Every structure is written in structure tokens, then in C-alpha cells.
Amino acid sequence: MKTSKSVGPRDANQPLHRFKAELFKTLGHPLRIRILELLRKGEVSVRDLLRELRVEPSSASQQLGVLRSRGIVESRRSGATVLYRVRDPLTIELLDVGRRIFGNQVLDLQHLLDAQVREEGGPRAPRARLGTRRRARRARRAS
């Protein structure tokens, strides 16, 4: 008797894995991230984006085109003005998670540096005041 080949979890998730890889690849350009950060509070005109980005219009246009073709941003025309906005608010949440991961890694590196200085018996690295650390933790939680 022939048995049918069962579909395992790895096979079932392949389209999801491809989607995630494409999403992160699309987000993997610093100018695209900057554009999304500027769009975090809502619609922004191309003119305002260009003013804030301080890049050549062709560079901004190319990156906006990539974001639009991947469905991350959408545009609309209002008279002669083109406005862009983030299509899914979860994209902004993803950027916020990235910011928190970055903050955690910076803290981890600071702890490693402090430990290395202590091991080497060199001068102590300046330590942040307790209030500064609390503010940093609060900022990471809030972002």
C-alpha cells in the first residue's frame, strides 16, 4: 500500500518563510527605514519627505517605489501633491521592536565592556547614573 507523503510543519510554513524573508529584505535598506520612520504618524507629502531625507529625489523615488511595490506603503494624489502613508500599522510596531532590540544590544555591549575593564584591572569605565539607566529602560519599554 502506498502512503501519501505527509506535509510537515516545515513544508507548510515555506510560503510564510518566503514572505518574511521578502519583508525583511525590503526593510533592509537604511533609506527605506528612514522613510517609514517619517511616515509613522501618518501621511507625508513627497516634498516633505525629500526635505527631511536630504537625498536626491531619484533615490527617494526609487526607495518609495520599492516600498509601494511590496505593499508596505501606499500613495494618493491630492491635487498636485503626492502623499504617502504606511499601509499596515504593524509595520511601525515592527520598527519599534527593532529599536528595542537595538537598545538591548547596546546595554549588553556596555555590560561586556564594563566586565572587560574590571577583569583587566584598568580604570573603571564611567558608569551611568542610576536615574539615567531607569530612563533608558523606560524609553525602551515606551518605544
N, C-alpha and C. Protein backbone atom coordinates (compact mmCIF):
# COMPACT_ATOMS: atom_id res chain seq x y z
N MET A 1 0.83 -1.16 0.00
CA MET A 1 0.00 0.00 0.00
C MET A 1 0.88 1.23 0.00
N LYS A 2 0.56 2.17 -0.88
CA LYS A 2 1.32 3.41 -0.95
C LYS A 2 0.82 4.37 0.12
N THR A 3 1.76 5.03 0.74
CA THR A 3 1.36 6.06 1.69
C THR A 3 1.63 7.41 1.06
N SER A 4 0.72 8.31 1.30
CA SER A 4 0.93 9.63 0.75
C SER A 4 1.95 10.36 1.59
N LYS A 5 2.70 11.18 0.92
CA LYS A 5 3.73 11.95 1.61
C LYS A 5 3.03 13.01 2.46
N SER A 6 3.29 12.96 3.75
CA SER A 6 2.64 13.94 4.63
C SER A 6 3.39 15.27 4.55
N VAL A 7 2.64 16.31 4.72
CA VAL A 7 3.22 17.64 4.72
C VAL A 7 3.58 17.98 6.15
N GLY A 8 4.87 18.18 6.39
CA GLY A 8 5.34 18.51 7.73
C GLY A 8 5.26 20.02 7.96
N PRO A 9 5.48 20.41 9.19
CA PRO A 9 5.41 21.83 9.54
C PRO A 9 6.37 22.68 8.71
N ARG A 10 7.53 22.13 8.38
CA ARG A 10 8.50 22.90 7.60
C ARG A 10 7.95 23.20 6.21
N ASP A 11 7.31 22.22 5.58
CA ASP A 11 6.74 22.43 4.26
C ASP A 11 5.57 23.41 4.31
N ALA A 12 4.75 23.30 5.34
CA ALA A 12 3.57 24.16 5.45
C ALA A 12 3.95 25.62 5.64
N ASN A 13 5.09 25.88 6.24
CA ASN A 13 5.49 27.25 6.52
C ASN A 13 6.35 27.89 5.43
N GLN A 14 6.66 27.16 4.38
CA GLN A 14 7.53 27.72 3.36
C GLN A 14 7.01 29.04 2.80
N PRO A 15 5.76 29.17 2.43
CA PRO A 15 5.28 30.46 1.92
C PRO A 15 5.43 31.57 2.97
N LEU A 16 5.18 31.24 4.23
CA LEU A 16 5.33 32.22 5.30
C LEU A 16 6.79 32.63 5.44
N HIS A 17 7.70 31.65 5.38
CA HIS A 17 9.13 31.96 5.49
C HIS A 17 9.57 32.84 4.32
N ARG A 18 9.08 32.54 3.14
CA ARG A 18 9.43 33.37 1.98
C ARG A 18 8.89 34.79 2.14
N PHE A 19 7.65 34.89 2.63
CA PHE A 19 7.06 36.21 2.85
C PHE A 19 7.89 37.01 3.84
N LYS A 20 8.26 36.38 4.97
CA LYS A 20 9.05 37.07 5.98
C LYS A 20 10.41 37.50 5.43
N ALA A 21 11.04 36.61 4.68
CA ALA A 21 12.35 36.93 4.10
C ALA A 21 12.23 38.13 3.17
N GLU A 22 11.20 38.15 2.35
CA GLU A 22 10.99 39.29 1.44
C GLU A 22 10.69 40.57 2.21
N LEU A 23 9.90 40.46 3.27
CA LEU A 23 9.58 41.62 4.09
C LEU A 23 10.85 42.21 4.69
N PHE A 24 11.66 41.36 5.31
CA PHE A 24 12.88 41.86 5.95
C PHE A 24 13.89 42.34 4.91
N LYS A 25 13.90 41.71 3.75
CA LYS A 25 14.77 42.19 2.68
C LYS A 25 14.35 43.59 2.25
N THR A 26 13.05 43.80 2.14
CA THR A 26 12.53 45.11 1.76
C THR A 26 12.86 46.14 2.83
N LEU A 27 12.76 45.77 4.08
CA LEU A 27 13.06 46.68 5.17
C LEU A 27 14.57 46.84 5.40
N GLY A 28 15.37 46.08 4.68
CA GLY A 28 16.80 46.04 4.90
C GLY A 28 17.60 47.15 4.25
N HIS A 29 17.01 48.28 4.00
CA HIS A 29 17.73 49.41 3.41
C HIS A 29 17.55 50.62 4.32
N PRO A 30 18.65 51.25 4.74
CA PRO A 30 18.54 52.37 5.68
C PRO A 30 17.63 53.50 5.22
N LEU A 31 17.63 53.82 3.94
CA LEU A 31 16.77 54.91 3.46
C LEU A 31 15.30 54.51 3.55
N ARG A 32 15.00 53.25 3.30
CA ARG A 32 13.61 52.80 3.43
C ARG A 32 13.16 52.89 4.88
N ILE A 33 14.03 52.53 5.80
CA ILE A 33 13.70 52.64 7.23
C ILE A 33 13.46 54.10 7.59
N ARG A 34 14.32 54.99 7.12
CA ARG A 34 14.14 56.42 7.40
C ARG A 34 12.80 56.92 6.86
N ILE A 35 12.44 56.48 5.67
CA ILE A 35 11.15 56.87 5.08
C ILE A 35 10.02 56.40 5.98
N LEU A 36 10.07 55.14 6.39
CA LEU A 36 9.00 54.59 7.24
C LEU A 36 8.93 55.32 8.58
N GLU A 37 10.07 55.68 9.13
CA GLU A 37 10.07 56.43 10.39
C GLU A 37 9.38 57.78 10.20
N LEU A 38 9.60 58.41 9.05
CA LEU A 38 8.95 59.70 8.78
C LEU A 38 7.44 59.54 8.58
N LEU A 39 7.03 58.36 8.15
CA LEU A 39 5.61 58.10 7.89
C LEU A 39 4.89 57.53 9.11
N ARG A 40 5.57 57.39 10.21
CA ARG A 40 4.99 56.71 11.38
C ARG A 40 3.76 57.41 11.92
N LYS A 41 3.64 58.72 11.76
CA LYS A 41 2.49 59.43 12.33
C LYS A 41 1.39 59.70 11.31
N GLY A 42 1.57 59.26 10.09
CA GLY A 42 0.51 59.45 9.09
C GLY A 42 1.07 59.88 7.75
N GLU A 43 0.18 60.41 6.94
CA GLU A 43 0.55 60.80 5.58
C GLU A 43 1.58 61.93 5.57
N VAL A 44 2.50 61.81 4.61
CA VAL A 44 3.52 62.84 4.40
C VAL A 44 3.68 63.03 2.90
N SER A 45 3.78 64.28 2.49
CA SER A 45 3.95 64.57 1.06
C SER A 45 5.37 64.22 0.63
N VAL A 46 5.53 63.97 -0.65
CA VAL A 46 6.84 63.68 -1.21
C VAL A 46 7.77 64.86 -0.95
N ARG A 47 7.27 66.08 -1.11
CA ARG A 47 8.08 67.27 -0.88
C ARG A 47 8.62 67.29 0.55
N ASP A 48 7.75 67.01 1.53
CA ASP A 48 8.20 66.99 2.92
C ASP A 48 9.18 65.85 3.18
N LEU A 49 8.94 64.69 2.57
CA LEU A 49 9.88 63.58 2.70
C LEU A 49 11.26 63.98 2.18
N LEU A 50 11.29 64.59 1.01
CA LEU A 50 12.57 65.00 0.42
C LEU A 50 13.29 66.01 1.30
N ARG A 51 12.54 66.92 1.88
CA ARG A 51 13.15 67.93 2.75
C ARG A 51 13.79 67.27 3.97
N GLU A 52 13.11 66.30 4.55
CA GLU A 52 13.62 65.62 5.74
C GLU A 52 14.75 64.62 5.41
N LEU A 53 14.63 63.94 4.29
CA LEU A 53 15.60 62.90 3.93
C LEU A 53 16.93 63.48 3.46
N ARG A 54 16.86 64.62 2.77
CA ARG A 54 18.06 65.27 2.22
C ARG A 54 18.85 64.33 1.33
N VAL A 55 18.13 63.71 0.41
CA VAL A 55 18.75 62.85 -0.60
C VAL A 55 18.25 63.30 -1.96
N GLU A 56 18.87 62.80 -2.99
CA GLU A 56 18.43 63.11 -4.35
C GLU A 56 17.01 62.59 -4.55
N PRO A 57 16.18 63.37 -5.24
CA PRO A 57 14.81 62.91 -5.50
C PRO A 57 14.74 61.53 -6.15
N SER A 58 15.70 61.24 -7.03
CA SER A 58 15.68 59.94 -7.70
C SER A 58 15.90 58.79 -6.70
N SER A 59 16.76 59.01 -5.69
CA SER A 59 16.99 57.98 -4.67
C SER A 59 15.74 57.74 -3.84
N ALA A 60 15.11 58.84 -3.41
CA ALA A 60 13.89 58.71 -2.62
C ALA A 60 12.80 58.05 -3.43
N SER A 61 12.67 58.45 -4.68
CA SER A 61 11.64 57.90 -5.55
C SER A 61 11.84 56.39 -5.74
N GLN A 62 13.08 55.99 -5.93
CA GLN A 62 13.38 54.57 -6.12
C GLN A 62 12.98 53.77 -4.87
N GLN A 63 13.32 54.27 -3.69
CA GLN A 63 13.03 53.54 -2.46
C GLN A 63 11.53 53.55 -2.16
N LEU A 64 10.87 54.67 -2.43
CA LEU A 64 9.41 54.71 -2.28
C LEU A 64 8.75 53.70 -3.22
N GLY A 65 9.28 53.59 -4.42
CA GLY A 65 8.75 52.62 -5.38
C GLY A 65 8.87 51.19 -4.88
N VAL A 66 10.01 50.87 -4.27
CA VAL A 66 10.20 49.52 -3.71
C VAL A 66 9.18 49.28 -2.60
N LEU A 67 9.05 50.25 -1.69
CA LEU A 67 8.11 50.10 -0.58
C LEU A 67 6.67 49.98 -1.09
N ARG A 68 6.34 50.74 -2.11
CA ARG A 68 4.99 50.69 -2.68
C ARG A 68 4.74 49.37 -3.39
N SER A 69 5.72 48.90 -4.16
CA SER A 69 5.53 47.65 -4.91
C SER A 69 5.40 46.43 -3.99
N ARG A 70 5.96 46.52 -2.79
CA ARG A 70 5.87 45.42 -1.82
C ARG A 70 4.66 45.59 -0.91
N GLY A 71 3.87 46.64 -1.12
CA GLY A 71 2.65 46.83 -0.34
C GLY A 71 2.89 47.36 1.07
N ILE A 72 4.05 47.94 1.31
CA ILE A 72 4.35 48.45 2.65
C ILE A 72 3.83 49.88 2.81
N VAL A 73 3.90 50.65 1.75
CA VAL A 73 3.32 51.99 1.76
C VAL A 73 2.33 52.10 0.62
N GLU A 74 1.45 53.08 0.73
CA GLU A 74 0.56 53.40 -0.38
C GLU A 74 0.56 54.90 -0.57
N SER A 75 0.21 55.30 -1.77
CA SER A 75 0.23 56.72 -2.09
C SER A 75 -1.14 57.14 -2.60
N ARG A 76 -1.39 58.44 -2.49
CA ARG A 76 -2.59 59.01 -3.10
C ARG A 76 -2.25 60.41 -3.53
N ARG A 77 -2.97 60.86 -4.51
CA ARG A 77 -2.76 62.19 -5.06
C ARG A 77 -3.82 63.13 -4.51
N SER A 78 -3.36 64.31 -4.10
CA SER A 78 -4.26 65.37 -3.66
C SER A 78 -3.86 66.62 -4.44
N GLY A 79 -4.55 66.85 -5.53
CA GLY A 79 -4.15 67.93 -6.43
C GLY A 79 -2.82 67.58 -7.06
N ALA A 80 -1.86 68.47 -6.92
CA ALA A 80 -0.52 68.23 -7.47
C ALA A 80 0.39 67.52 -6.47
N THR A 81 -0.11 67.28 -5.26
CA THR A 81 0.70 66.70 -4.20
C THR A 81 0.49 65.19 -4.12
N VAL A 82 1.58 64.46 -3.96
CA VAL A 82 1.51 63.02 -3.74
C VAL A 82 1.82 62.77 -2.27
N LEU A 83 0.91 62.06 -1.62
CA LEU A 83 1.04 61.75 -0.19
C LEU A 83 1.28 60.25 -0.02
N TYR A 84 2.17 59.92 0.90
CA TYR A 84 2.46 58.53 1.22
C TYR A 84 2.07 58.24 2.66
N ARG A 85 1.70 56.99 2.90
CA ARG A 85 1.42 56.54 4.26
C ARG A 85 1.76 55.06 4.36
N VAL A 86 2.01 54.61 5.59
CA VAL A 86 2.27 53.20 5.85
C VAL A 86 0.95 52.47 5.76
N ARG A 87 0.94 51.39 5.02
CA ARG A 87 -0.30 50.65 4.77
C ARG A 87 -0.79 49.89 6.00
N ASP A 88 0.12 49.27 6.74
CA ASP A 88 -0.26 48.45 7.89
C ASP A 88 0.45 48.97 9.14
N PRO A 89 -0.29 49.39 10.17
CA PRO A 89 0.33 49.92 11.39
C PRO A 89 1.29 48.93 12.06
N LEU A 90 1.14 47.64 11.79
CA LEU A 90 2.05 46.66 12.37
C LEU A 90 3.48 46.88 11.90
N THR A 91 3.64 47.48 10.73
CA THR A 91 4.98 47.79 10.23
C THR A 91 5.70 48.73 11.19
N ILE A 92 4.99 49.71 11.71
CA ILE A 92 5.57 50.65 12.67
C ILE A 92 5.91 49.92 13.97
N GLU A 93 5.04 49.01 14.39
CA GLU A 93 5.33 48.21 15.58
C GLU A 93 6.59 47.38 15.38
N LEU A 94 6.77 46.84 14.17
CA LEU A 94 7.97 46.06 13.87
C LEU A 94 9.22 46.94 13.98
N LEU A 95 9.14 48.16 13.49
CA LEU A 95 10.27 49.09 13.62
C LEU A 95 10.55 49.40 15.09
N ASP A 96 9.49 49.54 15.88
CA ASP A 96 9.66 49.81 17.31
C ASP A 96 10.34 48.63 18.02
N VAL A 97 9.98 47.42 17.63
CA VAL A 97 10.63 46.24 18.20
C VAL A 97 12.11 46.25 17.83
N GLY A 98 12.41 46.59 16.59
CA GLY A 98 13.81 46.70 16.17
C GLY A 98 14.58 47.71 17.01
N ARG A 99 13.94 48.83 17.34
CA ARG A 99 14.57 49.85 18.18
C ARG A 99 14.84 49.30 19.58
N ARG A 100 13.91 48.53 20.12
CA ARG A 100 14.10 47.95 21.45
C ARG A 100 15.22 46.91 21.44
N ILE A 101 15.29 46.10 20.38
CA ILE A 101 16.37 45.12 20.26
C ILE A 101 17.71 45.85 20.21
N PHE A 102 17.78 46.92 19.45
CA PHE A 102 19.00 47.72 19.37
C PHE A 102 19.39 48.22 20.76
N GLY A 103 18.43 48.77 21.50
CA GLY A 103 18.71 49.26 22.85
C GLY A 103 19.23 48.17 23.76
N ASN A 104 18.65 46.98 23.67
CA ASN A 104 19.11 45.85 24.48
C ASN A 104 20.55 45.47 24.12
N GLN A 105 20.85 45.46 22.84
CA GLN A 105 22.21 45.10 22.42
C GLN A 105 23.23 46.13 22.88
N VAL A 106 22.86 47.41 22.84
CA VAL A 106 23.76 48.45 23.33
C VAL A 106 24.04 48.24 24.81
N LEU A 107 22.99 47.96 25.58
CA LEU A 107 23.19 47.70 27.02
C LEU A 107 24.06 46.46 27.24
N ASP A 108 23.82 45.41 26.48
CA ASP A 108 24.63 44.20 26.61
C ASP A 108 26.10 44.50 26.32
N LEU A 109 26.36 45.26 25.27
CA LEU A 109 27.74 45.62 24.93
C LEU A 109 28.37 46.46 26.03
N GLN A 110 27.61 47.36 26.63
CA GLN A 110 28.13 48.18 27.72
C GLN A 110 28.50 47.32 28.91
N HIS A 111 27.65 46.32 29.22
CA HIS A 111 27.95 45.41 30.33
C HIS A 111 29.22 44.60 30.03
N LEU A 112 29.37 44.14 28.79
CA LEU A 112 30.58 43.40 28.42
C LEU A 112 31.82 44.28 28.55
N LEU A 113 31.73 45.51 28.11
CA LEU A 113 32.84 46.43 28.21
C LEU A 113 33.20 46.69 29.67
N ASP A 114 32.19 46.92 30.51
CA ASP A 114 32.43 47.12 31.93
C ASP A 114 33.13 45.91 32.55
N ALA A 115 32.68 44.71 32.19
CA ALA A 115 33.27 43.48 32.73
C ALA A 115 34.72 43.34 32.28
N GLN A 116 34.99 43.67 31.02
CA GLN A 116 36.35 43.57 30.49
C GLN A 116 37.27 44.54 31.21
N VAL A 117 36.81 45.74 31.45
CA VAL A 117 37.62 46.74 32.15
C VAL A 117 37.91 46.26 33.56
N ARG A 118 36.92 45.68 34.24
CA ARG A 118 37.13 45.16 35.60
C ARG A 118 38.14 44.02 35.60
N GLU A 119 38.05 43.11 34.61
CA GLU A 119 38.97 41.97 34.53
C GLU A 119 40.39 42.43 34.30
N GLU A 120 40.56 43.45 33.48
CA GLU A 120 41.90 43.93 33.14
C GLU A 120 42.47 44.80 34.25
N GLY A 121 41.64 45.15 35.22
CA GLY A 121 42.12 45.95 36.33
C GLY A 121 42.43 47.39 35.95
N GLY A 122 41.95 47.79 34.81
CA GLY A 122 42.19 49.16 34.36
C GLY A 122 41.25 50.12 35.06
N PRO A 123 41.34 51.36 34.67
CA PRO A 123 40.43 52.34 35.28
C PRO A 123 38.99 51.97 34.98
N ARG A 124 38.18 52.19 35.95
CA ARG A 124 36.76 51.86 35.76
C ARG A 124 36.16 52.72 34.68
N ALA A 125 35.36 52.08 33.87
CA ALA A 125 34.63 52.83 32.85
C ALA A 125 33.60 53.70 33.55
N PRO A 126 33.39 54.89 33.06
CA PRO A 126 32.37 55.73 33.70
C PRO A 126 31.02 55.04 33.63
N ARG A 127 30.37 54.99 34.77
CA ARG A 127 29.07 54.32 34.83
C ARG A 127 27.97 55.34 34.75
N ALA A 128 26.92 54.94 34.12
CA ALA A 128 25.77 55.84 34.01
C ALA A 128 25.13 55.97 35.38
N ARG A 129 24.61 57.13 35.66
CA ARG A 129 23.88 57.33 36.91
C ARG A 129 22.65 56.43 36.90
N LEU A 130 22.22 56.06 38.06
CA LEU A 130 21.06 55.17 38.19
C LEU A 130 19.84 55.75 37.50
N GLY A 131 19.62 57.05 37.66
CA GLY A 131 18.48 57.68 37.02
C GLY A 131 18.54 57.58 35.51
N THR A 132 19.75 57.66 34.96
CA THR A 132 19.93 57.54 33.50
C THR A 132 19.54 56.15 33.04
N ARG A 133 19.94 55.14 33.80
CA ARG A 133 19.58 53.76 33.43
C ARG A 133 18.07 53.56 33.47
N ARG A 134 17.45 54.09 34.51
CA ARG A 134 15.99 53.95 34.61
C ARG A 134 15.32 54.62 33.42
N ARG A 135 15.79 55.81 33.06
CA ARG A 135 15.20 56.50 31.90
C ARG A 135 15.41 55.69 30.64
N ALA A 136 16.59 55.07 30.47
CA ALA A 136 16.86 54.25 29.29
C ALA A 136 15.91 53.06 29.23
N ARG A 137 15.69 52.40 30.38
CA ARG A 137 14.75 51.27 30.40
C ARG A 137 13.34 51.70 30.06
N ARG A 138 12.92 52.82 30.66
CA ARG A 138 11.58 53.33 30.35
C ARG A 138 11.43 53.66 28.88
N ALA A 139 12.47 54.27 28.30
CA ALA A 139 12.42 54.65 26.89
C ALA A 139 12.30 53.41 26.02
N ARG A 140 13.04 52.34 26.37
CA ARG A 140 12.96 51.10 25.58
C ARG A 140 11.56 50.51 25.67
N ARG A 141 10.97 50.53 26.87
CA ARG A 141 9.63 49.97 27.02
C ARG A 141 8.61 50.81 26.27
N ALA A 142 8.78 52.12 26.28
CA ALA A 142 7.81 53.02 25.65
C ALA A 142 7.92 52.99 24.14
N SER A 143 9.11 52.72 23.60
CA SER A 143 9.26 52.78 22.13
C SER A 143 8.81 51.54 21.44
